[in-house]
């Protein structure tokens, strides 16, 4: 049997499409540092059940497990794949929404403007 790797659950928030992670208290958070990490198959099963309930309640969509490593010093989960690194950095949704919010409703944003969001707004 293969060795179990620490894992967490990620999804997209239904209201705005932002990448979120399953956290304590049935919450879904934007920061991966707040995610619950399963270190056993049983714990992963419990997280999966909670993720399924959130999907059924239409809080999130496309929930799935992601294998992670834990930072040796901080214990913060670190995703392995490039796809998940991009999602964790919120390059696909959060920057876009915050840039649109900063620009106001009268202006559409080309992709090159996503990086133009002031740092205090992007944090």
PDB file of N, CA and C in Angstrom:
ATOM      1  N   UNK A   1       0.843  -1.179   0.000  1.00  0.00           N
ATOM      2  CA  UNK A   1       0.000   0.000   0.000  1.00  0.00           C
ATOM      3  C   UNK A   1       0.893   1.249   0.000  1.00  0.00           C
ATOM      4  N   UNK A   2       0.582   2.246  -0.861  1.00  0.00           N
ATOM      5  CA  UNK A   2       1.412   3.445  -0.922  1.00  0.00           C
ATOM      6  C   UNK A   2       1.331   4.249   0.371  1.00  0.00           C
ATOM      7  N   UNK A   3       2.405   4.959   0.649  1.00  0.00           N
ATOM      8  CA  UNK A   3       2.468   5.816   1.828  1.00  0.00           C
ATOM      9  C   UNK A   3       1.466   6.970   1.697  1.00  0.00           C
ATOM     10  N   UNK A   4       0.768   7.279   2.769  1.00  0.00           N
ATOM     11  CA  UNK A   4      -0.183   8.391   2.764  1.00  0.00           C
ATOM     12  C   UNK A   4       0.573   9.712   2.854  1.00  0.00           C
ATOM     13  N   UNK A   5       0.184  10.649   2.006  1.00  0.00           N
ATOM     14  CA  UNK A   5       0.784  11.981   2.014  1.00  0.00           C
ATOM     15  C   UNK A   5      -0.193  12.968   2.649  1.00  0.00           C
ATOM     16  N   UNK A   6       0.300  13.924   3.444  1.00  0.00           N
ATOM     17  CA  UNK A   6      -0.597  14.940   3.997  1.00  0.00           C
ATOM     18  C   UNK A   6      -1.392  15.607   2.876  1.00  0.00           C
ATOM     19  N   UNK A   7      -2.655  15.875   3.152  1.00  0.00           N
ATOM     20  CA  UNK A   7      -3.542  16.440   2.127  1.00  0.00           C
ATOM     21  C   UNK A   7      -4.505  17.426   2.755  1.00  0.00           C
ATOM     22  N   UNK A   8      -5.039  18.293   1.902  1.00  0.00           N
ATOM     23  CA  UNK A   8      -6.074  19.240   2.318  1.00  0.00           C
ATOM     24  C   UNK A   8      -7.117  19.311   1.230  1.00  0.00           C
ATOM     25  N   UNK A   9      -8.221  20.001   1.504  1.00  0.00           N
ATOM     26  CA  UNK A   9      -9.265  20.153   0.498  1.00  0.00           C
ATOM     27  C   UNK A   9      -9.323  21.588   0.022  1.00  0.00           C
ATOM     28  N   UNK A  10      -9.420  21.727  -1.285  1.00  0.00           N
ATOM     29  CA  UNK A  10      -9.568  23.024  -1.916  1.00  0.00           C
ATOM     30  C   UNK A  10     -10.819  23.012  -2.782  1.00  0.00           C
ATOM     31  N   UNK A  11     -11.309  24.204  -3.094  1.00  0.00           N
ATOM     32  CA  UNK A  11     -12.504  24.356  -3.936  1.00  0.00           C
ATOM     33  C   UNK A  11     -12.524  25.797  -4.426  1.00  0.00           C
ATOM     34  N   UNK A  12     -13.590  26.137  -5.116  1.00  0.00           N
ATOM     35  CA  UNK A  12     -13.836  27.524  -5.497  1.00  0.00           C
ATOM     36  C   UNK A  12     -15.124  27.958  -4.816  1.00  0.00           C
ATOM     37  N   UNK A  13     -15.082  29.135  -4.203  1.00  0.00           N
ATOM     38  CA  UNK A  13     -16.273  29.678  -3.554  1.00  0.00           C
ATOM     39  C   UNK A  13     -17.311  29.968  -4.623  1.00  0.00           C
ATOM     40  N   UNK A  14     -18.522  29.505  -4.414  1.00  0.00           N
ATOM     41  CA  UNK A  14     -19.563  29.634  -5.422  1.00  0.00           C
ATOM     42  C   UNK A  14     -19.921  31.091  -5.690  1.00  0.00           C
ATOM     43  N   UNK A  15     -19.883  31.923  -4.680  1.00  0.00           N
ATOM     44  CA  UNK A  15     -20.311  33.318  -4.834  1.00  0.00           C
ATOM     45  C   UNK A  15     -19.437  34.123  -5.790  1.00  0.00           C
ATOM     46  N   UNK A  16     -18.121  33.832  -5.811  1.00  0.00           N
ATOM     47  CA  UNK A  16     -17.227  34.669  -6.621  1.00  0.00           C
ATOM     48  C   UNK A  16     -16.114  33.910  -7.330  1.00  0.00           C
ATOM     49  N   UNK A  17     -16.041  32.612  -7.154  1.00  0.00           N
ATOM     50  CA  UNK A  17     -15.042  31.813  -7.846  1.00  0.00           C
ATOM     51  C   UNK A  17     -13.662  31.801  -7.228  1.00  0.00           C
ATOM     52  N   UNK A  18     -13.478  32.497  -6.116  1.00  0.00           N
ATOM     53  CA  UNK A  18     -12.167  32.574  -5.478  1.00  0.00           C
ATOM     54  C   UNK A  18     -11.770  31.212  -4.924  1.00  0.00           C
ATOM     55  N   UNK A  19     -10.489  30.875  -5.043  1.00  0.00           N
ATOM     56  CA  UNK A  19      -9.937  29.636  -4.512  1.00  0.00           C
ATOM     57  C   UNK A  19      -9.988  29.687  -2.987  1.00  0.00           C
ATOM     58  N   UNK A  20     -10.502  28.614  -2.386  1.00  0.00           N
ATOM     59  CA  UNK A  20     -10.600  28.540  -0.928  1.00  0.00           C
ATOM     60  C   UNK A  20     -10.146  27.168  -0.441  1.00  0.00           C
ATOM     61  N   UNK A  21      -9.871  27.095   0.868  1.00  0.00           N
ATOM     62  CA  UNK A  21      -9.378  25.882   1.509  1.00  0.00           C
ATOM     63  C   UNK A  21     -10.229  25.587   2.730  1.00  0.00           C
ATOM     64  N   UNK A  22     -10.526  24.315   2.940  1.00  0.00           N
ATOM     65  CA  UNK A  22     -11.322  23.903   4.089  1.00  0.00           C
ATOM     66  C   UNK A  22     -10.518  24.139   5.364  1.00  0.00           C
ATOM     67  N   UNK A  23     -11.157  24.831   6.325  1.00  0.00           N
ATOM     68  CA  UNK A  23     -10.494  25.201   7.577  1.00  0.00           C
ATOM     69  C   UNK A  23     -11.342  24.738   8.761  1.00  0.00           C
ATOM     70  N   UNK A  24     -10.908  25.071   9.957  1.00  0.00           N
ATOM     71  CA  UNK A  24     -11.633  24.718  11.173  1.00  0.00           C
ATOM     72  C   UNK A  24     -13.025  25.330  11.179  1.00  0.00           C
ATOM     73  N   UNK A  25     -13.925  24.671  11.869  1.00  0.00           N
ATOM     74  CA  UNK A  25     -15.263  25.193  12.060  1.00  0.00           C
ATOM     75  C   UNK A  25     -16.102  25.247  10.802  1.00  0.00           C
ATOM     76  N   UNK A  26     -15.856  24.343   9.875  1.00  0.00           N
ATOM     77  CA  UNK A  26     -16.616  24.275   8.619  1.00  0.00           C
ATOM     78  C   UNK A  26     -16.406  25.522   7.745  1.00  0.00           C
ATOM     79  N   UNK A  27     -15.369  26.272   8.009  1.00  0.00           N
ATOM     80  CA  UNK A  27     -15.102  27.493   7.246  1.00  0.00           C
ATOM     81  C   UNK A  27     -14.273  27.169   6.005  1.00  0.00           C
ATOM     82  N   UNK A  28     -14.359  28.056   5.022  1.00  0.00           N
ATOM     83  CA  UNK A  28     -13.530  27.987   3.831  1.00  0.00           C
ATOM     84  C   UNK A  28     -12.754  29.303   3.779  1.00  0.00           C
ATOM     85  N   UNK A  29     -11.421  29.212   3.774  1.00  0.00           N
ATOM     86  CA  UNK A  29     -10.574  30.398   3.848  1.00  0.00           C
ATOM     87  C   UNK A  29      -9.753  30.557   2.576  1.00  0.00           C
ATOM     88  N   UNK A  30      -9.363  31.803   2.272  1.00  0.00           N
ATOM     89  CA  UNK A  30      -8.573  32.090   1.077  1.00  0.00           C
ATOM     90  C   UNK A  30      -7.091  31.781   1.268  1.00  0.00           C
ATOM     91  N   UNK A  31      -6.610  31.815   2.490  1.00  0.00           N
ATOM     92  CA  UNK A  31      -5.188  31.612   2.777  1.00  0.00           C
ATOM     93  C   UNK A  31      -4.925  30.142   3.083  1.00  0.00           C
ATOM     94  N   UNK A  32      -4.062  29.537   2.310  1.00  0.00           N
ATOM     95  CA  UNK A  32      -3.755  28.113   2.490  1.00  0.00           C
ATOM     96  C   UNK A  32      -3.176  27.827   3.871  1.00  0.00           C
ATOM     97  N   UNK A  33      -2.557  28.819   4.489  1.00  0.00           N
ATOM     98  CA  UNK A  33      -1.988  28.625   5.826  1.00  0.00           C
ATOM     99  C   UNK A  33      -3.064  28.262   6.850  1.00  0.00           C
ATOM    100  N   UNK A  34      -4.307  28.637   6.602  1.00  0.00           N
ATOM    101  CA  UNK A  34      -5.393  28.330   7.523  1.00  0.00           C
ATOM    102  C   UNK A  34      -6.095  27.016   7.253  1.00  0.00           C
ATOM    103  N   UNK A  35      -5.646  26.287   6.251  1.00  0.00           N
ATOM    104  CA  UNK A  35      -6.307  25.032   5.868  1.00  0.00           C
ATOM    105  C   UNK A  35      -6.050  23.925   6.882  1.00  0.00           C
ATOM    106  N   UNK A  36      -7.038  23.077   7.039  1.00  0.00           N
ATOM    107  CA  UNK A  36      -6.862  21.859   7.829  1.00  0.00           C
ATOM    108  C   UNK A  36      -6.112  20.846   6.976  1.00  0.00           C
ATOM    109  N   UNK A  37      -5.103  20.222   7.549  1.00  0.00           N
ATOM    110  CA  UNK A  37      -4.316  19.231   6.825  1.00  0.00           C
ATOM    111  C   UNK A  37      -4.565  17.859   7.436  1.00  0.00           C
ATOM    112  N   UNK A  38      -4.952  16.930   6.594  1.00  0.00           N
ATOM    113  CA  UNK A  38      -5.163  15.546   7.022  1.00  0.00           C
ATOM    114  C   UNK A  38      -3.836  14.803   6.953  1.00  0.00           C
ATOM    115  N   UNK A  39      -3.492  14.131   8.039  1.00  0.00           N
ATOM    116  CA  UNK A  39      -2.248  13.369   8.063  1.00  0.00           C
ATOM    117  C   UNK A  39      -2.489  11.864   8.109  1.00  0.00           C
ATOM    118  N   UNK A  40      -3.769  11.481   8.059  1.00  0.00           N
ATOM    119  CA  UNK A  40      -4.136  10.063   8.008  1.00  0.00           C
ATOM    120  C   UNK A  40      -5.273   9.897   7.001  1.00  0.00           C
ATOM    121  N   UNK A  41      -5.438   8.699   6.470  1.00  0.00           N
ATOM    122  CA  UNK A  41      -6.560   8.467   5.557  1.00  0.00           C
ATOM    123  C   UNK A  41      -7.916   8.735   6.223  1.00  0.00           C
ATOM    124  N   UNK A  42      -8.026   8.426   7.502  1.00  0.00           N
ATOM    125  CA  UNK A  42      -9.285   8.657   8.212  1.00  0.00           C
ATOM    126  C   UNK A  42      -9.596  10.155   8.311  1.00  0.00           C
ATOM    127  N   UNK A  43      -8.581  10.947   8.604  1.00  0.00           N
ATOM    128  CA  UNK A  43      -8.773  12.402   8.684  1.00  0.00           C
ATOM    129  C   UNK A  43      -9.146  12.962   7.318  1.00  0.00           C
ATOM    130  N   UNK A  44      -8.537  12.425   6.276  1.00  0.00           N
ATOM    131  CA  UNK A  44      -8.878  12.880   4.926  1.00  0.00           C
ATOM    132  C   UNK A  44     -10.326  12.536   4.598  1.00  0.00           C
ATOM    133  N   UNK A  45     -10.783  11.378   5.034  1.00  0.00           N
ATOM    134  CA  UNK A  45     -12.175  10.995   4.826  1.00  0.00           C
ATOM    135  C   UNK A  45     -13.133  11.957   5.514  1.00  0.00           C
ATOM    136  N   UNK A  46     -12.772  12.402   6.711  1.00  0.00           N
ATOM    137  CA  UNK A  46     -13.611  13.366   7.428  1.00  0.00           C
ATOM    138  C   UNK A  46     -13.636  14.703   6.695  1.00  0.00           C
ATOM    139  N   UNK A  47     -12.487  15.147   6.184  1.00  0.00           N
ATOM    140  CA  UNK A  47     -12.443  16.395   5.416  1.00  0.00           C
ATOM    141  C   UNK A  47     -13.262  16.257   4.132  1.00  0.00           C
ATOM    142  N   UNK A  48     -13.178  15.102   3.500  1.00  0.00           N
ATOM    143  CA  UNK A  48     -13.946  14.886   2.276  1.00  0.00           C
ATOM    144  C   UNK A  48     -15.442  14.966   2.551  1.00  0.00           C
ATOM    145  N   UNK A  49     -15.884  14.384   3.649  1.00  0.00           N
ATOM    146  CA  UNK A  49     -17.307  14.429   4.007  1.00  0.00           C
ATOM    147  C   UNK A  49     -17.750  15.879   4.223  1.00  0.00           C
ATOM    148  N   UNK A  50     -16.928  16.668   4.893  1.00  0.00           N
ATOM    149  CA  UNK A  50     -17.260  18.080   5.111  1.00  0.00           C
ATOM    150  C   UNK A  50     -17.282  18.843   3.790  1.00  0.00           C
ATOM    151  N   UNK A  51     -16.328  18.562   2.911  1.00  0.00           N
ATOM    152  CA  UNK A  51     -16.299  19.220   1.604  1.00  0.00           C
ATOM    153  C   UNK A  51     -17.550  18.881   0.805  1.00  0.00           C
ATOM    154  N   UNK A  52     -17.977  17.637   0.855  1.00  0.00           N
ATOM    155  CA  UNK A  52     -19.202  17.227   0.140  1.00  0.00           C
ATOM    156  C   UNK A  52     -20.423  17.953   0.685  1.00  0.00           C
ATOM    157  N   UNK A  53     -20.475  18.153   2.008  1.00  0.00           N
ATOM    158  CA  UNK A  53     -21.597  18.901   2.593  1.00  0.00           C
ATOM    159  C   UNK A  53     -21.591  20.346   2.106  1.00  0.00           C
ATOM    160  N   UNK A  54     -20.414  20.950   2.008  1.00  0.00           N
ATOM    161  CA  UNK A  54     -20.320  22.338   1.533  1.00  0.00           C
ATOM    162  C   UNK A  54     -20.730  22.450   0.069  1.00  0.00           C
ATOM    163  N   UNK A  55     -20.385  21.461  -0.734  1.00  0.00           N
ATOM    164  CA  UNK A  55     -20.810  21.448  -2.136  1.00  0.00           C
ATOM    165  C   UNK A  55     -22.329  21.307  -2.206  1.00  0.00           C
ATOM    166  N   UNK A  56     -22.883  20.397  -1.419  1.00  0.00           N
ATOM    167  CA  UNK A  56     -24.335  20.193  -1.415  1.00  0.00           C
ATOM    168  C   UNK A  56     -25.078  21.446  -0.949  1.00  0.00           C
ATOM    169  N   UNK A  57     -24.460  22.200  -0.032  1.00  0.00           N
ATOM    170  CA  UNK A  57     -25.073  23.438   0.470  1.00  0.00           C
ATOM    171  C   UNK A  57     -24.809  24.622  -0.464  1.00  0.00           C
ATOM    172  N   UNK A  58     -24.101  24.357  -1.548  1.00  0.00           N
ATOM    173  CA  UNK A  58     -23.780  25.370  -2.561  1.00  0.00           C
ATOM    174  C   UNK A  58     -22.945  26.527  -2.016  1.00  0.00           C
ATOM    175  N   UNK A  59     -22.037  26.193  -1.115  1.00  0.00           N
ATOM    176  CA  UNK A  59     -21.079  27.191  -0.624  1.00  0.00           C
ATOM    177  C   UNK A  59     -19.840  27.205  -1.504  1.00  0.00           C
ATOM    178  N   UNK A  60     -19.454  26.014  -2.003  1.00  0.00           N
ATOM    179  CA  UNK A  60     -18.281  25.873  -2.860  1.00  0.00           C
ATOM    180  C   UNK A  60     -18.612  24.933  -4.009  1.00  0.00           C
ATOM    181  N   UNK A  61     -17.749  24.947  -5.027  1.00  0.00           N
ATOM    182  CA  UNK A  61     -17.862  24.007  -6.143  1.00  0.00           C
ATOM    183  C   UNK A  61     -16.504  23.370  -6.391  1.00  0.00           C
ATOM    184  N   UNK A  62     -16.536  22.218  -7.028  1.00  0.00           N
ATOM    185  CA  UNK A  62     -15.323  21.529  -7.469  1.00  0.00           C
ATOM    186  C   UNK A  62     -14.331  21.281  -6.341  1.00  0.00           C
ATOM    187  N   UNK A  63     -14.802  20.778  -5.214  1.00  0.00           N
ATOM    188  CA  UNK A  63     -13.923  20.470  -4.088  1.00  0.00           C
ATOM    189  C   UNK A  63     -13.134  19.192  -4.380  1.00  0.00           C
ATOM    190  N   UNK A  64     -11.849  19.222  -4.043  1.00  0.00           N
ATOM    191  CA  UNK A  64     -11.010  18.035  -4.218  1.00  0.00           C
ATOM    192  C   UNK A  64      -9.812  18.098  -3.281  1.00  0.00           C
ATOM    193  N   UNK A  65      -9.214  16.923  -3.044  1.00  0.00           N
ATOM    194  CA  UNK A  65      -8.053  16.812  -2.165  1.00  0.00           C
ATOM    195  C   UNK A  65      -6.776  17.134  -2.929  1.00  0.00           C
ATOM    196  N   UNK A  66      -5.841  17.748  -2.221  1.00  0.00           N
ATOM    197  CA  UNK A  66      -4.542  18.107  -2.783  1.00  0.00           C
ATOM    198  C   UNK A  66      -3.463  17.633  -1.817  1.00  0.00           C
ATOM    199  N   UNK A  67      -2.481  16.903  -2.343  1.00  0.00           N
ATOM    200  CA  UNK A  67      -1.355  16.496  -1.508  1.00  0.00           C
ATOM    201  C   UNK A  67      -0.454  17.697  -1.253  1.00  0.00           C
ATOM    202  N   UNK A  68       0.048  17.782  -0.027  1.00  0.00           N
ATOM    203  CA  UNK A  68       0.918  18.892   0.356  1.00  0.00           C
ATOM    204  C   UNK A  68       2.127  18.364   1.123  1.00  0.00           C
ATOM    205  N   UNK A  69       3.113  19.221   1.235  1.00  0.00           N
ATOM    206  CA  UNK A  69       4.195  19.001   2.186  1.00  0.00           C
ATOM    207  C   UNK A  69       4.020  20.061   3.263  1.00  0.00           C
ATOM    208  N   UNK A  70       4.588  19.820   4.419  1.00  0.00           N
ATOM    209  CA  UNK A  70       4.489  20.790   5.502  1.00  0.00           C
ATOM    210  C   UNK A  70       5.842  21.453   5.692  1.00  0.00           C
ATOM    211  N   UNK A  71       5.852  22.780   5.718  1.00  0.00           N
ATOM    212  CA  UNK A  71       7.082  23.525   5.930  1.00  0.00           C
ATOM    213  C   UNK A  71       7.698  23.094   7.259  1.00  0.00           C
ATOM    214  N   UNK A  72       8.984  22.786   7.238  1.00  0.00           N
ATOM    215  CA  UNK A  72       9.664  22.265   8.419  1.00  0.00           C
ATOM    216  C   UNK A  72       9.638  23.240   9.589  1.00  0.00           C
ATOM    217  N   UNK A  73       9.715  24.514   9.315  1.00  0.00           N
ATOM    218  CA  UNK A  73       9.759  25.503  10.395  1.00  0.00           C
ATOM    219  C   UNK A  73       8.379  25.944  10.858  1.00  0.00           C
ATOM    220  N   UNK A  74       7.509  26.299   9.922  1.00  0.00           N
ATOM    221  CA  UNK A  74       6.218  26.884  10.285  1.00  0.00           C
ATOM    222  C   UNK A  74       5.076  25.872  10.314  1.00  0.00           C
ATOM    223  N   UNK A  75       5.251  24.740   9.654  1.00  0.00           N
ATOM    224  CA  UNK A  75       4.176  23.759   9.554  1.00  0.00           C
ATOM    225  C   UNK A  75       3.123  24.130   8.524  1.00  0.00           C
ATOM    226  N   UNK A  76       3.347  25.225   7.801  1.00  0.00           N
ATOM    227  CA  UNK A  76       2.398  25.687   6.795  1.00  0.00           C
ATOM    228  C   UNK A  76       2.367  24.716   5.623  1.00  0.00           C
ATOM    229  N   UNK A  77       1.182  24.370   5.126  1.00  0.00           N
ATOM    230  CA  UNK A  77       1.122  23.476   3.970  1.00  0.00           C
ATOM    231  C   UNK A  77       1.668  24.141   2.712  1.00  0.00           C
ATOM    232  N   UNK A  78       2.404  23.375   1.944  1.00  0.00           N
ATOM    233  CA  UNK A  78       2.963  23.822   0.668  1.00  0.00           C
ATOM    234  C   UNK A  78       2.487  22.849  -0.402  1.00  0.00           C
ATOM    235  N   UNK A  79       1.791  23.371  -1.407  1.00  0.00           N
ATOM    236  CA  UNK A  79       1.308  22.501  -2.477  1.00  0.00           C
ATOM    237  C   UNK A  79       2.467  22.085  -3.362  1.00  0.00           C
ATOM    238  N   UNK A  80       2.292  20.983  -4.049  1.00  0.00           N
ATOM    239  CA  UNK A  80       3.376  20.430  -4.856  1.00  0.00           C
ATOM    240  C   UNK A  80       3.310  20.811  -6.322  1.00  0.00           C
ATOM    241  N   UNK A  81       2.137  20.779  -6.899  1.00  0.00           N
ATOM    242  CA  UNK A  81       2.037  20.967  -8.348  1.00  0.00           C
ATOM    243  C   UNK A  81       2.015  22.444  -8.722  1.00  0.00           C
ATOM    244  N   UNK A  82       2.442  22.744  -9.939  1.00  0.00           N
ATOM    245  CA  UNK A  82       2.422  24.115 -10.428  1.00  0.00           C
ATOM    246  C   UNK A  82       0.983  24.633 -10.477  1.00  0.00           C
ATOM    247  N   UNK A  83       0.062  23.797 -10.890  1.00  0.00           N
ATOM    248  CA  UNK A  83      -1.344  24.204 -10.946  1.00  0.00           C
ATOM    249  C   UNK A  83      -1.817  24.692  -9.586  1.00  0.00           C
ATOM    250  N   UNK A  84      -1.513  23.946  -8.545  1.00  0.00           N
ATOM    251  CA  UNK A  84      -1.965  24.315  -7.205  1.00  0.00           C
ATOM    252  C   UNK A  84      -1.190  25.514  -6.660  1.00  0.00           C
ATOM    253  N   UNK A  85       0.063  25.684  -7.057  1.00  0.00           N
ATOM    254  CA  UNK A  85       0.803  26.890  -6.650  1.00  0.00           C
ATOM    255  C   UNK A  85       0.157  28.132  -7.241  1.00  0.00           C
ATOM    256  N   UNK A  86      -0.270  28.044  -8.489  1.00  0.00           N
ATOM    257  CA  UNK A  86      -0.942  29.179  -9.139  1.00  0.00           C
ATOM    258  C   UNK A  86      -2.265  29.460  -8.427  1.00  0.00           C
ATOM    259  N   UNK A  87      -3.020  28.417  -8.140  1.00  0.00           N
ATOM    260  CA  UNK A  87      -4.297  28.609  -7.442  1.00  0.00           C
ATOM    261  C   UNK A  87      -4.074  29.192  -6.048  1.00  0.00           C
ATOM    262  N   UNK A  88      -3.068  28.695  -5.325  1.00  0.00           N
ATOM    263  CA  UNK A  88      -2.795  29.185  -3.966  1.00  0.00           C
ATOM    264  C   UNK A  88      -2.382  30.650  -3.971  1.00  0.00           C
ATOM    265  N   UNK A  89      -1.752  31.088  -5.048  1.00  0.00           N
ATOM    266  CA  UNK A  89      -1.341  32.494  -5.175  1.00  0.00           C
ATOM    267  C   UNK A  89      -2.507  33.371  -5.619  1.00  0.00           C
ATOM    268  N   UNK A  90      -3.653  32.758  -5.899  1.00  0.00           N
ATOM    269  CA  UNK A  90      -4.865  33.466  -6.331  1.00  0.00           C
ATOM    270  C   UNK A  90      -4.644  34.238  -7.628  1.00  0.00           C
ATOM    271  N   UNK A  91      -3.778  33.766  -8.459  1.00  0.00           N
ATOM    272  CA  UNK A  91      -3.519  34.431  -9.737  1.00  0.00           C
ATOM    273  C   UNK A  91      -4.689  34.272 -10.698  1.00  0.00           C
ATOM    274  N   UNK A  92      -5.534  33.294 -10.472  1.00  0.00           N
ATOM    275  CA  UNK A  92      -6.618  33.044 -11.416  1.00  0.00           C
ATOM    276  C   UNK A  92      -7.879  33.822 -11.109  1.00  0.00           C
ATOM    277  N   UNK A  93      -8.094  34.206  -9.857  1.00  0.00           N
ATOM    278  CA  UNK A  93      -9.364  34.849  -9.526  1.00  0.00           C
ATOM    279  C   UNK A  93      -9.226  36.079  -8.647  1.00  0.00           C
ATOM    280  N   UNK A  94      -8.533  35.969  -7.543  1.00  0.00           N
ATOM    281  CA  UNK A  94      -8.510  37.036  -6.553  1.00  0.00           C
ATOM    282  C   UNK A  94      -7.924  38.325  -7.109  1.00  0.00           C
ATOM    283  N   UNK A  95      -6.809  38.243  -7.805  1.00  0.00           N
ATOM    284  CA  UNK A  95      -6.204  39.456  -8.367  1.00  0.00           C
ATOM    285  C   UNK A  95      -7.145  40.102  -9.374  1.00  0.00           C
ATOM    286  N   UNK A  96      -7.799  39.292 -10.154  1.00  0.00           N
ATOM    287  CA  UNK A  96      -8.734  39.831 -11.140  1.00  0.00           C
ATOM    288  C   UNK A  96      -9.865  40.594 -10.454  1.00  0.00           C
ATOM    289  N   UNK A  97     -10.494  39.970  -9.459  1.00  0.00           N
ATOM    290  CA  UNK A  97     -11.614  40.611  -8.778  1.00  0.00           C
ATOM    291  C   UNK A  97     -11.181  41.872  -8.043  1.00  0.00           C
ATOM    292  N   UNK A  98     -10.026  41.834  -7.403  1.00  0.00           N
ATOM    293  CA  UNK A  98      -9.566  43.023  -6.688  1.00  0.00           C
ATOM    294  C   UNK A  98      -9.175  44.133  -7.659  1.00  0.00           C
ATOM    295  N   UNK A  99      -8.616  43.778  -8.801  1.00  0.00           N
ATOM    296  CA  UNK A  99      -8.270  44.790  -9.803  1.00  0.00           C
ATOM    297  C   UNK A  99      -9.534  45.430 -10.366  1.00  0.00           C
ATOM    298  N   UNK A 100     -10.542  44.626 -10.624  1.00  0.00           N
ATOM    299  CA  UNK A 100     -11.813  45.194 -11.120  1.00  0.00           C
ATOM    300  C   UNK A 100     -12.435  46.106 -10.079  1.00  0.00           C
ATOM    301  N   UNK A 101     -12.382  45.690  -8.838  1.00  0.00           N
ATOM    302  CA  UNK A 101     -12.932  46.509  -7.760  1.00  0.00           C
ATOM    303  C   UNK A 101     -12.188  47.845  -7.659  1.00  0.00           C
ATOM    304  N   UNK A 102     -10.865  47.813  -7.780  1.00  0.00           N
ATOM    305  CA  UNK A 102     -10.062  49.029  -7.703  1.00  0.00           C
ATOM    306  C   UNK A 102     -10.331  49.948  -8.897  1.00  0.00           C
ATOM    307  N   UNK A 103     -10.582  49.367 -10.055  1.00  0.00           N
ATOM    308  CA  UNK A 103     -10.802  50.157 -11.264  1.00  0.00           C
ATOM    309  C   UNK A 103     -12.186  50.775 -11.306  1.00  0.00           C
ATOM    310  N   UNK A 104     -13.117  50.192 -10.594  1.00  0.00           N
ATOM    311  CA  UNK A 104     -14.482  50.704 -10.623  1.00  0.00           C
ATOM    312  C   UNK A 104     -15.273  50.066 -11.744  1.00  0.00           C
ATOM    313  N   UNK A 105     -16.576  50.253 -11.743  1.00  0.00           N
ATOM    314  CA  UNK A 105     -17.446  49.559 -12.689  1.00  0.00           C
ATOM    315  C   UNK A 105     -17.362  50.078 -14.121  1.00  0.00           C
ATOM    316  N   UNK A 106     -16.792  51.238 -14.346  1.00  0.00           N
ATOM    317  CA  UNK A 106     -16.831  51.837 -15.683  1.00  0.00           C
ATOM    318  C   UNK A 106     -15.714  51.351 -16.599  1.00  0.00           C
ATOM    319  N   UNK A 107     -14.749  50.582 -16.083  1.00  0.00           N
ATOM    320  CA  UNK A 107     -13.591  50.226 -16.898  1.00  0.00           C
ATOM    321  C   UNK A 107     -13.369  48.723 -16.908  1.00  0.00           C
ATOM    322  N   UNK A 108     -13.276  48.152 -18.079  1.00  0.00           N
ATOM    323  CA  UNK A 108     -12.910  46.741 -18.210  1.00  0.00           C
ATOM    324  C   UNK A 108     -11.392  46.649 -18.133  1.00  0.00           C
ATOM    325  N   UNK A 109     -10.898  45.559 -17.606  1.00  0.00           N
ATOM    326  CA  UNK A 109      -9.453  45.407 -17.418  1.00  0.00           C
ATOM    327  C   UNK A 109      -8.857  44.395 -18.376  1.00  0.00           C
ATOM    328  N   UNK A 110      -7.828  44.766 -19.104  1.00  0.00           N
ATOM    329  CA  UNK A 110      -7.078  43.754 -19.843  1.00  0.00           C
ATOM    330  C   UNK A 110      -6.240  42.938 -18.862  1.00  0.00           C
ATOM    331  N   UNK A 111      -5.822  41.768 -19.264  1.00  0.00           N
ATOM    332  CA  UNK A 111      -5.067  40.879 -18.379  1.00  0.00           C
ATOM    333  C   UNK A 111      -3.823  41.543 -17.822  1.00  0.00           C
ATOM    334  N   UNK A 112      -3.183  42.428 -18.565  1.00  0.00           N
ATOM    335  CA  UNK A 112      -1.953  43.052 -18.098  1.00  0.00           C
ATOM    336  C   UNK A 112      -2.177  43.959 -16.901  1.00  0.00           C
ATOM    337  N   UNK A 113      -3.408  44.382 -16.651  1.00  0.00           N
ATOM    338  CA  UNK A 113      -3.700  45.254 -15.520  1.00  0.00           C
ATOM    339  C   UNK A 113      -3.854  44.497 -14.208  1.00  0.00           C
ATOM    340  N   UNK A 114      -3.914  43.178 -14.224  1.00  0.00           N
ATOM    341  CA  UNK A 114      -4.108  42.425 -12.993  1.00  0.00           C
ATOM    342  C   UNK A 114      -2.970  42.682 -12.016  1.00  0.00           C
ATOM    343  N   UNK A 115      -1.765  42.848 -12.537  1.00  0.00           N
ATOM    344  CA  UNK A 115      -0.616  43.072 -11.663  1.00  0.00           C
ATOM    345  C   UNK A 115      -0.507  44.518 -11.213  1.00  0.00           C
ATOM    346  N   UNK A 116      -1.369  45.386 -11.705  1.00  0.00           N
ATOM    347  CA  UNK A 116      -1.288  46.801 -11.365  1.00  0.00           C
ATOM    348  C   UNK A 116      -2.067  47.147 -10.096  1.00  0.00           C
ATOM    349  N   UNK A 117      -2.626  46.161  -9.421  1.00  0.00           N
ATOM    350  CA  UNK A 117      -3.380  46.417  -8.205  1.00  0.00           C
ATOM    351  C   UNK A 117      -2.400  46.862  -7.122  1.00  0.00           C
ATOM    352  N   UNK A 118      -2.677  47.974  -6.441  1.00  0.00           N
ATOM    353  CA  UNK A 118      -1.779  48.399  -5.361  1.00  0.00           C
ATOM    354  C   UNK A 118      -1.602  47.299  -4.339  1.00  0.00           C
ATOM    355  N   UNK A 119      -0.407  47.175  -3.795  1.00  0.00           N
ATOM    356  CA  UNK A 119      -0.077  46.083  -2.866  1.00  0.00           C
ATOM    357  C   UNK A 119      -1.036  46.036  -1.682  1.00  0.00           C
ATOM    358  N   UNK A 120      -1.430  47.186  -1.144  1.00  0.00           N
ATOM    359  CA  UNK A 120      -2.316  47.171   0.016  1.00  0.00           C
ATOM    360  C   UNK A 120      -3.696  46.640  -0.353  1.00  0.00           C
ATOM    361  N   UNK A 121      -4.122  46.737  -1.594  1.00  0.00           N
ATOM    362  CA  UNK A 121      -5.407  46.198  -2.040  1.00  0.00           C
ATOM    363  C   UNK A 121      -5.303  44.714  -2.345  1.00  0.00           C
ATOM    364  N   UNK A 122      -4.136  44.267  -2.786  1.00  0.00           N
ATOM    365  CA  UNK A 122      -3.965  42.872  -3.192  1.00  0.00           C
ATOM    366  C   UNK A 122      -3.723  41.960  -2.004  1.00  0.00           C
ATOM    367  N   UNK A 123      -3.392  42.511  -0.863  1.00  0.00           N
ATOM    368  CA  UNK A 123      -3.077  41.680   0.307  1.00  0.00           C
ATOM    369  C   UNK A 123      -4.323  41.159   0.972  1.00  0.00           C
TER     370      UNK A 123
END
